[in-house]
Amino acid sequence: MRPRFILPGSTLMSAILRGSPLLPMAATALLLSGCQTLSGLQDGPLSAWPEDPMRGAPPITRGLDAAGLSTLLGAELAGQRGDYRYASQGYLEAAQRYNEPALAERATFAARFGNEASLIEASALRWRELAPQAEAPNRLLAAFSLQRGDWLDSLEQRLSIVEAGGHGDVAAFAEIAVAEEAPLTLILQRLREHLSRSDADQLAHHSDVLLATALIEATLGDTASAQQRLDQVALLEPESASLWLVSARLALEVEDYPTAQRAAQQGLALSPDDVRFILLLAQAEIRLNNIRAAEVQTDALLESHGGNQDLRLSLAQLYLEEGHPAPAQRLLQPFIGKPGVPNVAYYLLGAIAQAAGETDNALLYYRQVSEGDDFLPARATAASMLIEADRLLDARAFLRIERMRFDRYFTELVMLEVQLLDRLNQLEDANALLNREITRTPDDASLLYMRAMRRWEIGDIAGMESDLRQILRADPDNAEALNALGYTLADLNLPGRLEEAFTLIERAYEIDPDNPAVLDSMGWVYYRLGEPEQALPWLESAYTQLPDQEVAAHLAEVLHALGRSDEARQLLQRFMQRTTVHPQIDKLLERLPELTPSGAPQPY
């Protein structure tokens, strides 16, 4: 199993190398829509509070014994001096002892003010346990689940809010799920289960769930069912802007562009400042081949929005994605030659030139993208463009020059070039580049990490350990290196080295106690040491925060070792339903075929 290691920027670079240089329009619209789309998530668990939330926290009114009083006094004093971690721990301990929701609520307030992620989640879980009908803990837990990519758990929290009579922002959740390519089939299955309840249509925010279901059904191609849901919402809330939003998207999906146009216009009348309707209306006009009309309309909309810069850029991207570079370029003209040109404008101008086959002109635009979020995507796109034009030497020269121009991005640009060479199957050149640059910068932790992982992939464990040790000589408190080395030693189960692995992972935990990868490693090394009882809580905590296949496989194996094989099979079955690709679990089932869930293919 691969050591827990993520290269800086590797996800972004991989995405760029795989496909289009442009952002998905759905994601762009979500970013622009701001609070209109994410209103239910803005109070997420990691947001900072402008004032001390303890002022509004409920008072303690029950009698206490000496130990309880000591705990609460300590927590109260810690909160007053700003030690919110200790305060939260104290209130949470008291909530465990006295089963009082107000204590768990107070623990959550303190943890939120101190921005303590693990304590926020633990306190919110206890609060929900003691007050199942409370809406606030479910909102917090829904946001946490969404942050770590556990879509089904986030949906479950939202449906709990709906079933208690609150607004779960399920339609907003569905928009994000569609934009982020979540497991829509499983989400739809759960939404349909909720709607099949006998009392579902009696709940206060039934239409919000109907809209969410319609949006996902439309995305998955079940347009007939989606339309039926929309018809129901039209009867319940005909003035709902969300109704017209989903209606416009559905009409675009079935290529009914006049209906999409009318729906977008209706929604825009209800929500004049909602950028999503502007984008949908422009898209409908373009699909109707009313390019000139679309331009006139978008110009008027831009004027009414005070020449909104973000809107202009999004419309330019829309035209470009729809295959109309000329109006896209016209929208971008006001930026050219002016100070403070947004990076994304140069990025789009580069994409327009690239689409026109003007490689050198595109390169000039991409090189004008300055430091910031768009810097690396622009260089990755430019280098890929040169390679596609059969100009590998130019691509490598370009990246070498950029490394000299932008010392801050030296490491990332080296890693980008290595990935490009890997993609071309030029592994020797990639390794030579990496070795050369490490020789020049021998303490570059990221490059050493990269080489360590490459050595691990080819089975060179000694080489991997050498690189990780080199990192630790320069930075003894590097939690990622400590964890990667400790986990590798534990996973390989090397004779005489498990105690060393435990020491490394324990040190990583002291430095980074909230890292789920470290929690997983702690559980796994306990299991390798023959202590599955000790391993279990670590792995359960890791899986709560990071429900990926590797942690699932570890947790299932430990449950099986403890005689809880049915729970292990249920865990694996739930995970295997979420994704069709799970090599780590497949390997586990090859070793322990008795854990194969009912109905799953038997391992060979």
Foldseek 3Di string as FASTA:
>chain_A
DAFPDDFVCPVVLVVLLVDDLDAPLLVLLVVVQPCVLCVLCPVEQQDADPDQCLVVQDDDDDDDDPVLVVLQVQLVVCVVVPVLVSNLVSLLVSCVVPLDLSSLVSSLSSCSNVSPVVSNLSSLVSNCVSPVLDLVSLSHLLNLCVVQQVLVSSVVSLVSNQVSQHHSSLLSSLSVCLSVVFLLVVVLVVLVVLVPDPCLVVHPPSLSSLLSNLQSCLSVPVLVSSVVSLVVSCVVCVLDLSSLLSQLVSCVSVVVLVSNLVSLVSSCVSPVPSLSSLLSNLLSCVSVVVPVVSLVVLVVSCVVVVNDPSSLLSVLVSCVVSPRNPSSVVSLVVQPPDPPRALSSLQSVLVSCVVVVNLVVSLVSLVPRDDDDCVVSSLSNNLSSCVVVVNNVVNVVVLVVVCVVCVVCVVVSLVSNLVVCVVVVVNVVSVVSLVVVCVVVVQPLSSLCVVLSVCVVVPNNVSNLVSLVSNCVVPVQPLSSLSSNLLVCLVVLDPPCLVVSLVSLVSSCVNPVQQLSSLLSNLSSCVSVVNLVVSQVSLVSSCSNHVALQSLLSNLVSCVVVVNLVVNLVSVVVRCVRDVDRVNNLVSCVVVVVSHHPPDDGRD
